[in-house]
Amino acid sequence: MVGDVIVDVVVRPLGPFNRGSDTPSRIALTPGGSASNQAVALAAAGAQVHLVGVVGDDDLGRAAARALVLAGVQAHLRVALGHQTGVVVAVVDASGQRSMLTDRGANLRLAAPDLGRGLLIAGRHLHLSGYELLDEATRPAARAALDLAFGAGMTRSVDPCSAGPLAAVGRAEFLAWTEGVEWCCANLDEGRALTGATRPEEVLAGLRHHYREVALTLGADGALFSGPGTALLHCPADRVAVVDTTGAGDAFTGTFLARRLRGEEPGAALRAALAAAARVVGSPGARPWS
């Protein structure tokens, strides 16, 4: 895997926001980063995972690295001297939905040499966090990873990650960079940004023009899948109390990929991925299993 290593500051206000004054809140400091969360979910589902990324020379970076190792991820993290480890402030509302303020910090220093020798080889799989493509600073390394993996005969997958930056970059550009990737795991907003379609079934069909298999998450409505031999498969989600949606999509993506990579049929992979996402939304932070 290639992607961000982040520390999340999860803020849950306990009442109305008091502009210019104090607002009582519950605040948690937790390991995060879309790619890191997905790596942990992959490892929890039984996959052997290597994560390539960059952290700062600070306590946050050292703590993030330790958390990855403890979760069973083999972390290949370069320390960028003079740079801070990435931080996200996630503000969670009463419904559990989160809005994020992001400082990618040292993650922006990711470069092609960080990919290392001996990691991108035939028989392995590359998963790329879309954030690396969405930011101009890390895009060259991300595109190099996709090209090197293709040249080595590896399978590949991508998570578009965020609808806002996708719209800013442009759907045509993102689709051109990732054309032909075997798996795409996206949420409905991301899928709409990439296809211009509105209805979930149309979004799914639009994405299938570019990727061999697509898993499209629909929040409380579960997920859709389409791939060779399966035009449309819907898996409903269990109804659960939502505390914090931070990391739910990452848990889905990591679990789904781990199951598909070991040959499970799509329906079973979707059900396991939705169960992992449900576990995440039931507690604060993105990694209930770490």
C-alpha atoms as a PDB file:
ATOM      1  CA  MET A   1       0.000   0.000   0.000  1.00  0.00           C
ATOM      2  CA  VAL A   2       1.005   3.577  -0.601  1.00  0.00           C
ATOM      3  CA  GLY A   3      -0.598   6.457   1.282  1.00  0.00           C
ATOM      4  CA  ASP A   4      -0.994   8.766   4.223  1.00  0.00           C
ATOM      5  CA  VAL A   5      -0.004   8.294   7.835  1.00  0.00           C
ATOM      6  CA  ILE A   6      -2.082  10.698   9.906  1.00  0.00           C
ATOM      7  CA  VAL A   7      -2.957  11.386  13.523  1.00  0.00           C
ATOM      8  CA  ASP A   8      -6.659  12.110  14.032  1.00  0.00           C
ATOM      9  CA  VAL A   9      -7.956  14.622  16.546  1.00  0.00           C
ATOM     10  CA  VAL A  10     -11.610  13.589  16.845  1.00  0.00           C
ATOM     11  CA  VAL A  11     -13.797  16.349  18.307  1.00  0.00           C
ATOM     12  CA  ARG A  12     -17.376  15.695  19.363  1.00  0.00           C
ATOM     13  CA  PRO A  13     -19.060  18.891  20.662  1.00  0.00           C
ATOM     14  CA  LEU A  14     -21.437  18.243  23.539  1.00  0.00           C
ATOM     15  CA  GLY A  15     -23.678  21.188  22.729  1.00  0.00           C
ATOM     16  CA  PRO A  16     -24.139  24.106  20.324  1.00  0.00           C
ATOM     17  CA  PHE A  17     -20.937  25.688  19.048  1.00  0.00           C
ATOM     18  CA  ASN A  18     -20.133  28.859  20.977  1.00  0.00           C
ATOM     19  CA  ARG A  19     -18.422  31.120  18.474  1.00  0.00           C
ATOM     20  CA  GLY A  20     -15.616  33.120  20.099  1.00  0.00           C
ATOM     21  CA  SER A  21     -15.941  31.200  23.366  1.00  0.00           C
ATOM     22  CA  ASP A  22     -15.712  27.673  24.805  1.00  0.00           C
ATOM     23  CA  THR A  23     -17.708  24.669  23.644  1.00  0.00           C
ATOM     24  CA  PRO A  24     -17.609  21.596  25.934  1.00  0.00           C
ATOM     25  CA  SER A  25     -16.478  18.625  23.841  1.00  0.00           C
ATOM     26  CA  ARG A  26     -15.134  15.106  23.956  1.00  0.00           C
ATOM     27  CA  ILE A  27     -11.762  14.991  22.200  1.00  0.00           C
ATOM     28  CA  ALA A  28      -9.766  11.879  21.316  1.00  0.00           C
ATOM     29  CA  LEU A  29      -6.295  11.585  19.785  1.00  0.00           C
ATOM     30  CA  THR A  30      -6.162   8.453  17.630  1.00  0.00           C
ATOM     31  CA  PRO A  31      -4.048   6.990  14.812  1.00  0.00           C
ATOM     32  CA  GLY A  32      -5.541   7.628  11.377  1.00  0.00           C
ATOM     33  CA  GLY A  33      -4.931   8.312   7.714  1.00  0.00           C
ATOM     34  CA  SER A  34      -7.033   6.692   5.011  1.00  0.00           C
ATOM     35  CA  ALA A  35      -4.268   4.425   3.728  1.00  0.00           C
ATOM     36  CA  SER A  36      -3.119   3.553   7.246  1.00  0.00           C
ATOM     37  CA  ASN A  37      -6.668   2.701   8.312  1.00  0.00           C
ATOM     38  CA  GLN A  38      -7.120   0.543   5.229  1.00  0.00           C
ATOM     39  CA  ALA A  39      -3.803  -1.200   5.892  1.00  0.00           C
ATOM     40  CA  VAL A  40      -4.916  -2.021   9.439  1.00  0.00           C
ATOM     41  CA  ALA A  41      -8.264  -3.316   8.146  1.00  0.00           C
ATOM     42  CA  LEU A  42      -6.471  -5.485   5.569  1.00  0.00           C
ATOM     43  CA  ALA A  43      -4.219  -6.912   8.275  1.00  0.00           C
ATOM     44  CA  ALA A  44      -7.193  -7.531  10.581  1.00  0.00           C
ATOM     45  CA  ALA A  45      -8.820  -9.502   7.750  1.00  0.00           C
ATOM     46  CA  GLY A  46      -5.747 -11.720   7.437  1.00  0.00           C
ATOM     47  CA  ALA A  47      -3.718 -10.066   4.669  1.00  0.00           C
ATOM     48  CA  GLN A  48       0.039  -9.507   4.811  1.00  0.00           C
ATOM     49  CA  VAL A  49       0.406  -5.743   4.427  1.00  0.00           C
ATOM     50  CA  HIS A  50       3.295  -3.407   3.627  1.00  0.00           C
ATOM     51  CA  LEU A  51       2.608   0.333   3.890  1.00  0.00           C
ATOM     52  CA  VAL A  52       4.843   2.950   2.274  1.00  0.00           C
ATOM     53  CA  GLY A  53       4.526   6.478   3.626  1.00  0.00           C
ATOM     54  CA  VAL A  54       6.234   9.457   5.243  1.00  0.00           C
ATOM     55  CA  VAL A  55       6.061  10.801   8.817  1.00  0.00           C
ATOM     56  CA  GLY A  56       7.645  13.719  10.611  1.00  0.00           C
ATOM     57  CA  ASP A  57      10.511  13.537  13.088  1.00  0.00           C
ATOM     58  CA  ASP A  58       8.175  13.932  16.057  1.00  0.00           C
ATOM     59  CA  ASP A  59       6.335  11.996  18.745  1.00  0.00           C
ATOM     60  CA  LEU A  60       3.210  11.853  16.613  1.00  0.00           C
ATOM     61  CA  GLY A  61       5.082  10.077  13.838  1.00  0.00           C
ATOM     62  CA  ARG A  62       6.716   7.621  16.207  1.00  0.00           C
ATOM     63  CA  ALA A  63       3.361   6.851  17.830  1.00  0.00           C
ATOM     64  CA  ALA A  64       1.708   6.350  14.426  1.00  0.00           C
ATOM     65  CA  ALA A  65       4.481   3.958  13.367  1.00  0.00           C
ATOM     66  CA  ARG A  66       4.134   1.949  16.591  1.00  0.00           C
ATOM     67  CA  ALA A  67       0.368   1.695  16.128  1.00  0.00           C
ATOM     68  CA  LEU A  68       0.828   0.282  12.621  1.00  0.00           C
ATOM     69  CA  VAL A  69       3.330  -2.314  13.782  1.00  0.00           C
ATOM     70  CA  LEU A  70       1.111  -3.369  16.682  1.00  0.00           C
ATOM     71  CA  ALA A  71      -1.747  -3.830  14.209  1.00  0.00           C
ATOM     72  CA  GLY A  72       0.343  -6.215  12.119  1.00  0.00           C
ATOM     73  CA  VAL A  73       1.293  -3.822   9.315  1.00  0.00           C
ATOM     74  CA  GLN A  74       4.862  -3.811   7.997  1.00  0.00           C
ATOM     75  CA  ALA A  75       5.472  -0.066   7.857  1.00  0.00           C
ATOM     76  CA  HIS A  76       8.079   1.382   5.481  1.00  0.00           C
ATOM     77  CA  LEU A  77       8.004   4.977   6.700  1.00  0.00           C
ATOM     78  CA  ARG A  78      10.575   7.584   5.799  1.00  0.00           C
ATOM     79  CA  VAL A  79      11.132  10.273   8.424  1.00  0.00           C
ATOM     80  CA  ALA A  80      11.045  13.745   6.865  1.00  0.00           C
ATOM     81  CA  LEU A  81      13.300  15.927   9.005  1.00  0.00           C
ATOM     82  CA  GLY A  82      11.899  19.367   9.748  1.00  0.00           C
ATOM     83  CA  HIS A  83       8.335  18.370   8.906  1.00  0.00           C
ATOM     84  CA  GLN A  84       5.376  17.556  11.133  1.00  0.00           C
ATOM     85  CA  THR A  85       3.463  14.294  10.911  1.00  0.00           C
ATOM     86  CA  GLY A  86       0.102  14.805   9.220  1.00  0.00           C
ATOM     87  CA  VAL A  87      -2.864  15.735  11.388  1.00  0.00           C
ATOM     88  CA  VAL A  88      -6.618  15.698  10.744  1.00  0.00           C
ATOM     89  CA  VAL A  89      -9.129  17.398  13.009  1.00  0.00           C
ATOM     90  CA  ALA A  90     -12.409  15.513  12.556  1.00  0.00           C
ATOM     91  CA  VAL A  91     -15.438  17.342  13.938  1.00  0.00           C
ATOM     92  CA  VAL A  92     -18.258  14.868  14.560  1.00  0.00           C
ATOM     93  CA  ASP A  93     -21.853  16.116  14.745  1.00  0.00           C
ATOM     94  CA  ALA A  94     -24.740  14.675  16.752  1.00  0.00           C
ATOM     95  CA  SER A  95     -25.621  12.220  13.939  1.00  0.00           C
ATOM     96  CA  GLY A  96     -22.087  10.822  13.848  1.00  0.00           C
ATOM     97  CA  GLN A  97     -21.186  12.476  10.539  1.00  0.00           C
ATOM     98  CA  ARG A  98     -17.714  14.028  10.432  1.00  0.00           C
ATOM     99  CA  SER A  99     -16.175  17.011   8.701  1.00  0.00           C
ATOM    100  CA  MET A 100     -12.388  17.123   8.419  1.00  0.00           C
ATOM    101  CA  LEU A 101      -9.758  19.830   8.652  1.00  0.00           C
ATOM    102  CA  THR A 102      -6.612  18.353   7.126  1.00  0.00           C
ATOM    103  CA  ASP A 103      -2.912  19.160   7.381  1.00  0.00           C
ATOM    104  CA  ARG A 104      -1.130  16.380   5.454  1.00  0.00           C
ATOM    105  CA  GLY A 105       2.234  17.535   6.810  1.00  0.00           C
ATOM    106  CA  ALA A 106       5.080  15.142   6.064  1.00  0.00           C
ATOM    107  CA  ASN A 107       2.828  13.053   3.807  1.00  0.00           C
ATOM    108  CA  LEU A 108       3.343  15.716   1.152  1.00  0.00           C
ATOM    109  CA  ARG A 109       7.013  14.708   0.976  1.00  0.00           C
ATOM    110  CA  LEU A 110       6.198  11.285  -0.516  1.00  0.00           C
ATOM    111  CA  ALA A 111       8.414  10.696  -3.558  1.00  0.00           C
ATOM    112  CA  ALA A 112       9.036   7.905  -6.044  1.00  0.00           C
ATOM    113  CA  PRO A 113      12.252   6.694  -4.287  1.00  0.00           C
ATOM    114  CA  ASP A 114      10.127   5.948  -1.191  1.00  0.00           C
ATOM    115  CA  LEU A 115       8.521   3.087  -3.087  1.00  0.00           C
ATOM    116  CA  GLY A 116      11.672   1.080  -2.458  1.00  0.00           C
ATOM    117  CA  ARG A 117      13.117  -1.932  -4.148  1.00  0.00           C
ATOM    118  CA  GLY A 118      11.642  -5.363  -3.699  1.00  0.00           C
ATOM    119  CA  LEU A 119       8.102  -4.298  -2.768  1.00  0.00           C
ATOM    120  CA  LEU A 120       6.485  -3.932  -6.189  1.00  0.00           C
ATOM    121  CA  ILE A 121       6.921  -7.425  -7.621  1.00  0.00           C
ATOM    122  CA  ALA A 122       4.787  -9.951  -9.486  1.00  0.00           C
ATOM    123  CA  GLY A 123       2.344 -11.889  -7.354  1.00  0.00           C
ATOM    124  CA  ARG A 124       1.636  -8.984  -5.021  1.00  0.00           C
ATOM    125  CA  HIS A 125      -1.142  -6.403  -5.052  1.00  0.00           C
ATOM    126  CA  LEU A 126      -0.867  -2.602  -4.908  1.00  0.00           C
ATOM    127  CA  HIS A 127      -3.548  -0.548  -3.201  1.00  0.00           C
ATOM    128  CA  LEU A 128      -3.247   3.192  -3.688  1.00  0.00           C
ATOM    129  CA  SER A 129      -4.987   5.808  -1.573  1.00  0.00           C
ATOM    130  CA  GLY A 130      -6.553   8.370  -3.872  1.00  0.00           C
ATOM    131  CA  TYR A 131      -5.325  11.228  -1.700  1.00  0.00           C
ATOM    132  CA  GLU A 132      -1.876  10.659  -3.194  1.00  0.00           C
ATOM    133  CA  LEU A 133      -3.277  11.330  -6.675  1.00  0.00           C
ATOM    134  CA  LEU A 134      -5.481  14.221  -5.605  1.00  0.00           C
ATOM    135  CA  ASP A 135      -2.599  16.323  -4.276  1.00  0.00           C
ATOM    136  CA  GLU A 136      -0.142  17.779  -6.777  1.00  0.00           C
ATOM    137  CA  ALA A 137       2.783  17.250  -4.390  1.00  0.00           C
ATOM    138  CA  THR A 138       2.347  13.461  -4.151  1.00  0.00           C
ATOM    139  CA  ARG A 139       0.865  12.776  -7.578  1.00  0.00           C
ATOM    140  CA  PRO A 140       4.183  11.891  -9.287  1.00  0.00           C
ATOM    141  CA  ALA A 141       4.925   9.196  -6.694  1.00  0.00           C
ATOM    142  CA  ALA A 142       1.373   7.855  -6.896  1.00  0.00           C
ATOM    143  CA  ARG A 143       1.462   7.600 -10.673  1.00  0.00           C
ATOM    144  CA  ALA A 144       4.884   5.992 -10.517  1.00  0.00           C
ATOM    145  CA  ALA A 145       3.514   3.374  -8.097  1.00  0.00           C
ATOM    146  CA  LEU A 146       0.654   2.530 -10.460  1.00  0.00           C
ATOM    147  CA  ASP A 147       3.007   2.300 -13.457  1.00  0.00           C
ATOM    148  CA  LEU A 148       5.614   0.217 -11.641  1.00  0.00           C
ATOM    149  CA  ALA A 149       2.991  -2.185 -10.322  1.00  0.00           C
ATOM    150  CA  PHE A 150       1.487  -2.588 -13.790  1.00  0.00           C
ATOM    151  CA  GLY A 151       4.920  -3.192 -15.270  1.00  0.00           C
ATOM    152  CA  ALA A 152       5.622  -5.833 -12.640  1.00  0.00           C
ATOM    153  CA  GLY A 153       2.398  -7.674 -13.442  1.00  0.00           C
ATOM    154  CA  MET A 154       0.739  -6.845 -10.112  1.00  0.00           C
ATOM    155  CA  THR A 155      -2.983  -6.365  -9.592  1.00  0.00           C
ATOM    156  CA  ARG A 156      -4.007  -2.892  -8.416  1.00  0.00           C
ATOM    157  CA  SER A 157      -6.820  -1.115  -6.590  1.00  0.00           C
ATOM    158  CA  VAL A 158      -7.701   2.480  -5.800  1.00  0.00           C
ATOM    159  CA  ASP A 159      -9.933   4.383  -3.391  1.00  0.00           C
ATOM    160  CA  PRO A 160     -10.907   7.840  -4.736  1.00  0.00           C
ATOM    161  CA  CYS A 161     -11.044   9.042  -1.094  1.00  0.00           C
ATOM    162  CA  SER A 162     -12.842  12.401  -1.215  1.00  0.00           C
ATOM    163  CA  ALA A 163     -15.491  13.951  -3.456  1.00  0.00           C
ATOM    164  CA  GLY A 164     -14.435  17.588  -2.941  1.00  0.00           C
ATOM    165  CA  PRO A 165     -10.818  17.212  -4.082  1.00  0.00           C
ATOM    166  CA  LEU A 166     -11.987  14.893  -6.894  1.00  0.00           C
ATOM    167  CA  ALA A 167     -14.209  17.642  -8.254  1.00  0.00           C
ATOM    168  CA  ALA A 168     -11.334  20.125  -8.028  1.00  0.00           C
ATOM    169  CA  VAL A 169      -8.890  17.849  -9.856  1.00  0.00           C
ATOM    170  CA  GLY A 170     -11.403  16.758 -12.471  1.00  0.00           C
ATOM    171  CA  ARG A 171     -13.019  13.414 -13.195  1.00  0.00           C
ATOM    172  CA  ALA A 172     -11.329  12.976 -16.586  1.00  0.00           C
ATOM    173  CA  GLU A 173      -7.877  13.349 -15.069  1.00  0.00           C
ATOM    174  CA  PHE A 174      -8.443  10.938 -12.193  1.00  0.00           C
ATOM    175  CA  LEU A 175     -10.021   8.333 -14.450  1.00  0.00           C
ATOM    176  CA  ALA A 176      -7.152   8.627 -16.933  1.00  0.00           C
ATOM    177  CA  TRP A 177      -4.580   8.103 -14.172  1.00  0.00           C
ATOM    178  CA  THR A 178      -6.360   5.001 -12.835  1.00  0.00           C
ATOM    179  CA  GLU A 179      -7.796   3.526 -16.053  1.00  0.00           C
ATOM    180  CA  GLY A 180      -7.707  -0.274 -16.064  1.00  0.00           C
ATOM    181  CA  VAL A 181      -7.128  -0.736 -12.338  1.00  0.00           C
ATOM    182  CA  GLU A 182      -8.697  -4.009 -11.215  1.00  0.00           C
ATOM    183  CA  TRP A 183     -10.638  -2.741  -8.185  1.00  0.00           C
ATOM    184  CA  CYS A 184     -12.209   0.583  -7.293  1.00  0.00           C
ATOM    185  CA  CYS A 185     -13.850   1.062  -3.888  1.00  0.00           C
ATOM    186  CA  ALA A 186     -15.764   4.342  -3.695  1.00  0.00           C
ATOM    187  CA  ASN A 187     -18.617   5.897  -1.794  1.00  0.00           C
ATOM    188  CA  LEU A 188     -21.636   7.308  -3.600  1.00  0.00           C
ATOM    189  CA  ASP A 189     -20.489  10.938  -3.483  1.00  0.00           C
ATOM    190  CA  GLU A 190     -17.110   9.984  -4.939  1.00  0.00           C
ATOM    191  CA  GLY A 191     -18.772   7.874  -7.604  1.00  0.00           C
ATOM    192  CA  ARG A 192     -21.030  10.759  -8.563  1.00  0.00           C
ATOM    193  CA  ALA A 193     -18.023  13.060  -8.828  1.00  0.00           C
ATOM    194  CA  LEU A 194     -16.285  10.572 -11.127  1.00  0.00           C
ATOM    195  CA  THR A 195     -19.234   9.752 -13.394  1.00  0.00           C
ATOM    196  CA  GLY A 196     -21.632  12.696 -13.329  1.00  0.00           C
ATOM    197  CA  ALA A 197     -24.454  10.189 -12.747  1.00  0.00           C
ATOM    198  CA  THR A 198     -26.848  10.442  -9.812  1.00  0.00           C
ATOM    199  CA  ARG A 199     -28.642   7.115  -9.293  1.00  0.00           C
ATOM    200  CA  PRO A 200     -26.419   4.511  -7.588  1.00  0.00           C
ATOM    201  CA  GLU A 201     -26.968   1.926 -10.332  1.00  0.00           C
ATOM    202  CA  GLU A 202     -25.927   4.441 -12.990  1.00  0.00           C
ATOM    203  CA  VAL A 203     -22.876   5.485 -10.972  1.00  0.00           C
ATOM    204  CA  LEU A 204     -21.845   1.840 -10.661  1.00  0.00           C
ATOM    205  CA  ALA A 205     -22.276   1.238 -14.390  1.00  0.00           C
ATOM    206  CA  GLY A 206     -20.263   4.371 -15.182  1.00  0.00           C
ATOM    207  CA  LEU A 207     -17.358   3.275 -13.007  1.00  0.00           C
ATOM    208  CA  ARG A 208     -17.357  -0.199 -14.575  1.00  0.00           C
ATOM    209  CA  HIS A 209     -16.288   1.401 -17.856  1.00  0.00           C
ATOM    210  CA  HIS A 210     -12.930   2.082 -16.202  1.00  0.00           C
ATOM    211  CA  TYR A 211     -12.390  -0.643 -13.576  1.00  0.00           C
ATOM    212  CA  ARG A 212     -12.779  -4.430 -13.656  1.00  0.00           C
ATOM    213  CA  GLU A 213     -14.650  -4.568 -10.344  1.00  0.00           C
ATOM    214  CA  VAL A 214     -16.378  -1.781  -8.409  1.00  0.00           C
ATOM    215  CA  ALA A 215     -17.663  -1.729  -4.842  1.00  0.00           C
ATOM    216  CA  LEU A 216     -19.848   1.319  -4.149  1.00  0.00           C
ATOM    217  CA  THR A 217     -20.847   2.122  -0.568  1.00  0.00           C
ATOM    218  CA  LEU A 218     -24.238   3.702   0.111  1.00  0.00           C
ATOM    219  CA  GLY A 219     -24.028   4.532   3.809  1.00  0.00           C
ATOM    220  CA  ALA A 220     -26.988   3.113   5.717  1.00  0.00           C
ATOM    221  CA  ASP A 221     -28.266   1.495   2.502  1.00  0.00           C
ATOM    222  CA  GLY A 222     -25.316  -0.909   2.312  1.00  0.00           C
ATOM    223  CA  ALA A 223     -23.216  -1.407  -0.806  1.00  0.00           C
ATOM    224  CA  LEU A 224     -23.387  -2.290  -4.474  1.00  0.00           C
ATOM    225  CA  PHE A 225     -20.987  -4.443  -6.469  1.00  0.00           C
ATOM    226  CA  SER A 226     -20.413  -5.021 -10.149  1.00  0.00           C
ATOM    227  CA  GLY A 227     -17.789  -7.114 -11.903  1.00  0.00           C
ATOM    228  CA  PRO A 228     -17.323  -9.748 -14.601  1.00  0.00           C
ATOM    229  CA  GLY A 229     -20.309 -12.087 -14.429  1.00  0.00           C
ATOM    230  CA  THR A 230     -22.115  -9.870 -11.891  1.00  0.00           C
ATOM    231  CA  ALA A 231     -23.892  -6.879 -13.392  1.00  0.00           C
ATOM    232  CA  LEU A 232     -25.400  -5.707 -10.104  1.00  0.00           C
ATOM    233  CA  LEU A 233     -25.269  -7.052  -6.548  1.00  0.00           C
ATOM    234  CA  HIS A 234     -26.762  -5.201  -3.585  1.00  0.00           C
ATOM    235  CA  CYS A 235     -25.905  -6.046   0.007  1.00  0.00           C
ATOM    236  CA  PRO A 236     -27.931  -4.249   2.720  1.00  0.00           C
ATOM    237  CA  ALA A 237     -26.291  -2.908   5.858  1.00  0.00           C
ATOM    238  CA  ASP A 238     -27.324  -3.824   9.381  1.00  0.00           C
ATOM    239  CA  ARG A 239     -28.926  -0.995  11.334  1.00  0.00           C
ATOM    240  CA  VAL A 240     -26.539   0.165  14.036  1.00  0.00           C
ATOM    241  CA  ALA A 241     -26.248   3.166  16.328  1.00  0.00           C
ATOM    242  CA  VAL A 242     -23.816   5.628  14.732  1.00  0.00           C
ATOM    243  CA  VAL A 243     -21.302   7.269  17.060  1.00  0.00           C
ATOM    244  CA  ASP A 244     -18.594   8.365  14.598  1.00  0.00           C
ATOM    245  CA  THR A 245     -18.313   7.649  10.862  1.00  0.00           C
ATOM    246  CA  THR A 246     -14.566   8.402  10.763  1.00  0.00           C
ATOM    247  CA  GLY A 247     -12.785   5.492   9.078  1.00  0.00           C
ATOM    248  CA  ALA A 248     -15.899   3.493   8.161  1.00  0.00           C
ATOM    249  CA  GLY A 249     -15.122   3.619   4.450  1.00  0.00           C
ATOM    250  CA  ASP A 250     -11.516   2.637   5.116  1.00  0.00           C
ATOM    251  CA  ALA A 251     -12.630  -0.397   7.124  1.00  0.00           C
ATOM    252  CA  PHE A 252     -14.960  -1.389   4.289  1.00  0.00           C
ATOM    253  CA  THR A 253     -12.270  -1.021   1.628  1.00  0.00           C
ATOM    254  CA  GLY A 254      -9.552  -2.880   3.511  1.00  0.00           C
ATOM    255  CA  THR A 255     -11.823  -5.749   4.488  1.00  0.00           C
ATOM    256  CA  PHE A 256     -13.391  -6.071   1.039  1.00  0.00           C
ATOM    257  CA  LEU A 257     -10.008  -6.151  -0.692  1.00  0.00           C
ATOM    258  CA  ALA A 258      -8.565  -8.706   1.724  1.00  0.00           C
ATOM    259  CA  ARG A 259     -11.521 -11.026   1.103  1.00  0.00           C
ATOM    260  CA  ARG A 260     -11.496 -10.623  -2.679  1.00  0.00           C
ATOM    261  CA  LEU A 261      -7.724 -11.031  -2.909  1.00  0.00           C
ATOM    262  CA  ARG A 262      -7.979 -14.415  -1.254  1.00  0.00           C
ATOM    263  CA  GLY A 263     -10.741 -15.475  -3.631  1.00  0.00           C
ATOM    264  CA  GLU A 264     -13.962 -15.031  -1.657  1.00  0.00           C
ATOM    265  CA  GLU A 265     -17.055 -14.439  -3.756  1.00  0.00           C
ATOM    266  CA  PRO A 266     -18.275 -10.841  -3.959  1.00  0.00           C
ATOM    267  CA  GLY A 267     -21.343 -11.266  -1.764  1.00  0.00           C
ATOM    268  CA  ALA A 268     -19.352 -12.676   1.142  1.00  0.00           C
ATOM    269  CA  ALA A 269     -16.709  -9.971   0.742  1.00  0.00           C
ATOM    270  CA  LEU A 270     -19.385  -7.240   0.787  1.00  0.00           C
ATOM    271  CA  ARG A 271     -21.044  -8.650   3.905  1.00  0.00           C
ATOM    272  CA  ALA A 272     -17.741  -8.866   5.772  1.00  0.00           C
ATOM    273  CA  ALA A 273     -16.783  -5.343   4.685  1.00  0.00           C
ATOM    274  CA  LEU A 274     -20.101  -3.876   5.815  1.00  0.00           C
ATOM    275  CA  ALA A 275     -19.765  -5.645   9.168  1.00  0.00           C
ATOM    276  CA  ALA A 276     -16.308  -4.091   9.604  1.00  0.00           C
ATOM    277  CA  ALA A 277     -17.676  -0.634   8.759  1.00  0.00           C
ATOM    278  CA  ALA A 278     -20.525  -1.117  11.250  1.00  0.00           C
ATOM    279  CA  ARG A 279     -18.004  -1.929  13.951  1.00  0.00           C
ATOM    280  CA  VAL A 280     -16.149   1.311  13.238  1.00  0.00           C
ATOM    281  CA  VAL A 281     -19.179   3.622  13.331  1.00  0.00           C
ATOM    282  CA  GLY A 282     -20.192   2.226  16.703  1.00  0.00           C
ATOM    283  CA  SER A 283     -17.251   3.763  18.542  1.00  0.00           C
ATOM    284  CA  PRO A 284     -15.069   6.913  18.361  1.00  0.00           C
ATOM    285  CA  GLY A 285     -12.053   6.830  16.073  1.00  0.00           C
ATOM    286  CA  ALA A 286     -11.210   4.848  12.959  1.00  0.00           C
ATOM    287  CA  ARG A 287      -9.637   1.687  14.398  1.00  0.00           C
ATOM    288  CA  PRO A 288     -11.698  -0.167  17.014  1.00  0.00           C
ATOM    289  CA  TRP A 289      -9.602  -3.315  16.515  1.00  0.00           C
ATOM    290  CA  SER A 290      -6.216  -1.720  17.226  1.00  0.00           C
END
